[in-house]
Every structure is written in C-alpha cells, then in structure tokens.
Amino acid sequence: MSAMGDADFVLVNGVVFQTEYSRVPDKYTVADDIVLEAKNGEDEIAFTRDEMEGAEDVGDGAYRLKSGALLRFLTGATIH
C-alpha cells in the first residue's frame, strides 16, 4: 500500500483525518507495529500493520480493510 507513504490526509469511512505518522510496511515491521496515525480535531486513529495487511484495492485509490473500514489516501494540493 505504497499510496499511504506520501499521503497528507486519509479519508476513513468518509471522514478526513490529517496524517500524523505513516510508515509503509516492510520486512522490518511486525504485525502490531503502528503504520498509520492520523487526527481530526480531538479524534485520533491508528492502524497496525496487521490491520492494514491484506487490504483490498477497491479502485479509485480506495482500500477496504479486513475490519470493513474504507480508506483513501490524499495529498494536499500545491498552488504555484
């Protein structure tokens, strides 16, 4: 799920969160390592490698996790 590496925001079940921390899983991460943390106001979410592993690409940049959560990774626009 390389799309999460450059994401400034993540849309989780229709709610936008600002990415605080992300790490694309690699051979050094284990199942309970946090690979994504994001925040929306006072609400914080975190996902482990185990939760993200096996995510189904449902098209248009969206992924369905085993839990049923729908994620879409977004980057901020740069205006020149």
N, C-alpha and C. Protein backbone atom coordinates (compact mmCIF):
# COMPACT_ATOMS: atom_id res chain seq x y z
N MET A 1 0.85 -1.18 0.00
CA MET A 1 0.00 0.00 0.00
C MET A 1 0.89 1.24 0.00
N SER A 2 1.62 1.39 -1.07
CA SER A 2 2.56 2.49 -1.17
C SER A 2 1.89 3.86 -1.22
N ALA A 3 0.60 3.91 -1.52
CA ALA A 3 -0.12 5.19 -1.60
C ALA A 3 -0.10 5.92 -0.27
N MET A 4 0.00 5.21 0.83
CA MET A 4 -0.05 5.87 2.13
C MET A 4 1.25 6.60 2.46
N GLY A 5 2.34 6.26 1.81
CA GLY A 5 3.64 6.85 2.11
C GLY A 5 3.70 8.35 1.93
N ASP A 6 3.02 8.88 0.93
CA ASP A 6 3.07 10.31 0.63
C ASP A 6 1.79 11.04 1.01
N ALA A 7 0.89 10.38 1.69
CA ALA A 7 -0.41 10.97 1.98
C ALA A 7 -0.34 12.02 3.09
N ASP A 8 -0.95 13.16 2.83
CA ASP A 8 -1.08 14.21 3.84
C ASP A 8 -2.34 13.99 4.67
N PHE A 9 -3.31 13.35 4.04
CA PHE A 9 -4.61 13.10 4.67
C PHE A 9 -5.05 11.69 4.34
N VAL A 10 -5.93 11.16 5.18
CA VAL A 10 -6.55 9.87 4.92
C VAL A 10 -8.05 10.01 5.17
N LEU A 11 -8.83 9.54 4.23
CA LEU A 11 -10.28 9.54 4.34
C LEU A 11 -10.66 8.18 4.89
N VAL A 12 -11.27 8.15 6.07
CA VAL A 12 -11.64 6.89 6.73
C VAL A 12 -13.16 6.89 6.87
N ASN A 13 -13.80 6.01 6.11
CA ASN A 13 -15.26 5.91 6.15
C ASN A 13 -15.92 7.28 5.98
N GLY A 14 -15.38 8.09 5.09
CA GLY A 14 -15.98 9.38 4.77
C GLY A 14 -15.53 10.54 5.63
N VAL A 15 -14.65 10.32 6.60
CA VAL A 15 -14.17 11.37 7.49
C VAL A 15 -12.69 11.63 7.19
N VAL A 16 -12.33 12.90 6.98
CA VAL A 16 -10.95 13.26 6.64
C VAL A 16 -10.13 13.44 7.92
N PHE A 17 -8.99 12.76 7.97
CA PHE A 17 -8.03 12.87 9.06
C PHE A 17 -6.71 13.35 8.48
N GLN A 18 -5.98 14.18 9.23
CA GLN A 18 -4.66 14.61 8.81
C GLN A 18 -3.65 13.59 9.30
N THR A 19 -2.79 13.16 8.38
CA THR A 19 -1.79 12.16 8.71
C THR A 19 -0.76 12.75 9.66
N GLU A 20 -0.56 12.09 10.78
CA GLU A 20 0.44 12.49 11.76
C GLU A 20 1.71 11.65 11.58
N TYR A 21 1.53 10.37 11.25
CA TYR A 21 2.65 9.45 11.11
C TYR A 21 2.23 8.36 10.14
N SER A 22 3.12 7.99 9.24
CA SER A 22 2.86 6.83 8.38
C SER A 22 4.18 6.14 8.06
N ARG A 23 4.09 4.85 7.95
CA ARG A 23 5.25 4.03 7.61
C ARG A 23 4.75 2.90 6.71
N VAL A 24 5.23 2.86 5.50
CA VAL A 24 4.86 1.78 4.60
C VAL A 24 5.45 0.50 5.17
N PRO A 25 4.62 -0.52 5.42
CA PRO A 25 5.13 -1.77 5.98
C PRO A 25 6.25 -2.36 5.11
N ASP A 26 7.27 -2.87 5.78
CA ASP A 26 8.38 -3.51 5.09
C ASP A 26 8.78 -4.76 5.87
N LYS A 27 9.90 -5.33 5.52
CA LYS A 27 10.31 -6.59 6.17
C LYS A 27 10.68 -6.41 7.64
N TYR A 28 10.84 -5.16 8.08
CA TYR A 28 11.22 -4.90 9.47
C TYR A 28 10.02 -4.63 10.38
N THR A 29 8.86 -4.40 9.82
CA THR A 29 7.68 -4.14 10.65
C THR A 29 7.02 -5.47 11.01
N VAL A 30 6.48 -5.51 12.21
CA VAL A 30 5.77 -6.69 12.69
C VAL A 30 4.29 -6.36 12.81
N ALA A 31 3.48 -7.38 13.03
CA ALA A 31 2.02 -7.25 13.00
C ALA A 31 1.48 -6.13 13.89
N ASP A 32 2.04 -5.94 15.08
CA ASP A 32 1.47 -4.94 15.99
C ASP A 32 2.14 -3.57 15.91
N ASP A 33 3.04 -3.36 14.93
CA ASP A 33 3.65 -2.04 14.72
C ASP A 33 2.61 -1.08 14.15
N ILE A 34 2.58 0.13 14.68
CA ILE A 34 1.70 1.18 14.14
C ILE A 34 2.30 1.64 12.81
N VAL A 35 1.48 1.63 11.76
CA VAL A 35 1.95 2.09 10.46
C VAL A 35 1.22 3.35 9.99
N LEU A 36 0.14 3.73 10.68
CA LEU A 36 -0.58 4.94 10.33
C LEU A 36 -1.24 5.54 11.56
N GLU A 37 -0.97 6.81 11.80
CA GLU A 37 -1.66 7.59 12.84
C GLU A 37 -2.18 8.85 12.17
N ALA A 38 -3.40 9.23 12.50
CA ALA A 38 -4.00 10.42 11.90
C ALA A 38 -4.93 11.07 12.91
N LYS A 39 -5.24 12.36 12.68
CA LYS A 39 -6.01 13.13 13.65
C LYS A 39 -7.02 14.01 12.93
N ASN A 40 -8.19 14.14 13.53
CA ASN A 40 -9.24 15.07 13.08
C ASN A 40 -9.73 15.76 14.33
N GLY A 41 -9.25 16.99 14.57
CA GLY A 41 -9.59 17.69 15.80
C GLY A 41 -9.08 16.90 16.99
N GLU A 42 -9.98 16.53 17.88
CA GLU A 42 -9.61 15.74 19.06
C GLU A 42 -9.63 14.24 18.79
N ASP A 43 -10.17 13.82 17.65
CA ASP A 43 -10.26 12.40 17.31
C ASP A 43 -8.95 11.92 16.70
N GLU A 44 -8.45 10.81 17.21
CA GLU A 44 -7.24 10.21 16.70
C GLU A 44 -7.51 8.77 16.31
N ILE A 45 -6.86 8.33 15.24
CA ILE A 45 -6.96 6.93 14.83
C ILE A 45 -5.55 6.39 14.63
N ALA A 46 -5.42 5.10 14.73
CA ALA A 46 -4.15 4.43 14.48
C ALA A 46 -4.45 3.05 13.91
N PHE A 47 -3.62 2.64 12.97
CA PHE A 47 -3.75 1.32 12.37
C PHE A 47 -2.42 0.60 12.46
N THR A 48 -2.49 -0.70 12.76
CA THR A 48 -1.29 -1.53 12.82
C THR A 48 -1.04 -2.18 11.46
N ARG A 49 0.14 -2.77 11.34
CA ARG A 49 0.45 -3.50 10.11
C ARG A 49 -0.57 -4.60 9.90
N ASP A 50 -0.93 -5.30 10.95
CA ASP A 50 -1.89 -6.40 10.83
C ASP A 50 -3.23 -5.91 10.30
N GLU A 51 -3.68 -4.75 10.77
CA GLU A 51 -4.96 -4.20 10.30
C GLU A 51 -4.90 -3.79 8.84
N MET A 52 -3.73 -3.31 8.38
CA MET A 52 -3.58 -2.83 7.01
C MET A 52 -3.23 -3.95 6.03
N GLU A 53 -2.61 -5.00 6.54
CA GLU A 53 -2.16 -6.08 5.67
C GLU A 53 -3.36 -6.77 5.03
N GLY A 54 -3.25 -7.03 3.76
CA GLY A 54 -4.33 -7.70 3.04
C GLY A 54 -5.46 -6.77 2.64
N ALA A 55 -5.24 -5.45 2.75
CA ALA A 55 -6.28 -4.50 2.35
C ALA A 55 -6.61 -4.73 0.88
N GLU A 56 -7.90 -4.69 0.57
CA GLU A 56 -8.36 -4.91 -0.80
C GLU A 56 -8.44 -3.59 -1.54
N ASP A 57 -7.75 -3.51 -2.67
CA ASP A 57 -7.81 -2.33 -3.52
C ASP A 57 -9.16 -2.36 -4.22
N VAL A 58 -10.05 -1.42 -3.90
CA VAL A 58 -11.39 -1.39 -4.48
C VAL A 58 -11.49 -0.36 -5.60
N GLY A 59 -10.36 0.18 -6.02
CA GLY A 59 -10.32 1.12 -7.14
C GLY A 59 -10.40 2.56 -6.70
N ASP A 60 -10.03 3.44 -7.61
CA ASP A 60 -10.07 4.88 -7.40
C ASP A 60 -9.29 5.30 -6.15
N GLY A 61 -8.21 4.56 -5.86
CA GLY A 61 -7.35 4.91 -4.73
C GLY A 61 -7.90 4.54 -3.37
N ALA A 62 -8.94 3.73 -3.33
CA ALA A 62 -9.56 3.33 -2.06
C ALA A 62 -9.18 1.89 -1.71
N TYR A 63 -9.10 1.63 -0.40
CA TYR A 63 -8.75 0.31 0.10
C TYR A 63 -9.74 -0.10 1.18
N ARG A 64 -10.19 -1.35 1.15
CA ARG A 64 -11.08 -1.89 2.17
C ARG A 64 -10.25 -2.79 3.08
N LEU A 65 -10.24 -2.46 4.38
CA LEU A 65 -9.50 -3.26 5.36
C LEU A 65 -10.32 -4.48 5.76
N LYS A 66 -9.65 -5.43 6.41
CA LYS A 66 -10.33 -6.63 6.91
C LYS A 66 -11.48 -6.27 7.84
N SER A 67 -11.33 -5.17 8.56
CA SER A 67 -12.35 -4.72 9.51
C SER A 67 -13.58 -4.15 8.81
N GLY A 68 -13.44 -3.87 7.50
CA GLY A 68 -14.53 -3.27 6.75
C GLY A 68 -14.34 -1.77 6.53
N ALA A 69 -13.39 -1.17 7.23
CA ALA A 69 -13.13 0.26 7.07
C ALA A 69 -12.67 0.55 5.65
N LEU A 70 -13.13 1.68 5.11
CA LEU A 70 -12.74 2.11 3.77
C LEU A 70 -11.79 3.29 3.90
N LEU A 71 -10.58 3.14 3.35
CA LEU A 71 -9.55 4.19 3.42
C LEU A 71 -9.23 4.70 2.03
N ARG A 72 -8.97 5.99 1.95
CA ARG A 72 -8.46 6.60 0.71
C ARG A 72 -7.38 7.59 1.14
N PHE A 73 -6.21 7.50 0.53
CA PHE A 73 -5.09 8.35 0.87
C PHE A 73 -5.08 9.57 -0.04
N LEU A 74 -4.89 10.75 0.54
CA LEU A 74 -4.96 12.02 -0.19
C LEU A 74 -3.72 12.84 0.05
N THR A 75 -3.31 13.59 -0.95
CA THR A 75 -2.21 14.53 -0.78
C THR A 75 -2.74 15.95 -0.95
N GLY A 76 -2.11 16.87 -0.25
CA GLY A 76 -2.51 18.27 -0.34
C GLY A 76 -2.08 18.85 -1.69
N ALA A 77 -2.87 19.75 -2.19
CA ALA A 77 -2.55 20.40 -3.46
C ALA A 77 -1.57 21.55 -3.21
N THR A 78 -0.64 21.70 -4.11
CA THR A 78 0.30 22.81 -4.05
C THR A 78 -0.07 23.80 -5.15
N ILE A 79 -0.31 25.05 -4.77
CA ILE A 79 -0.68 26.07 -5.75
C ILE A 79 0.54 26.96 -5.97
N HIS A 80 0.91 27.11 -7.21
CA HIS A 80 2.08 27.93 -7.55
C HIS A 80 1.63 29.24 -8.14
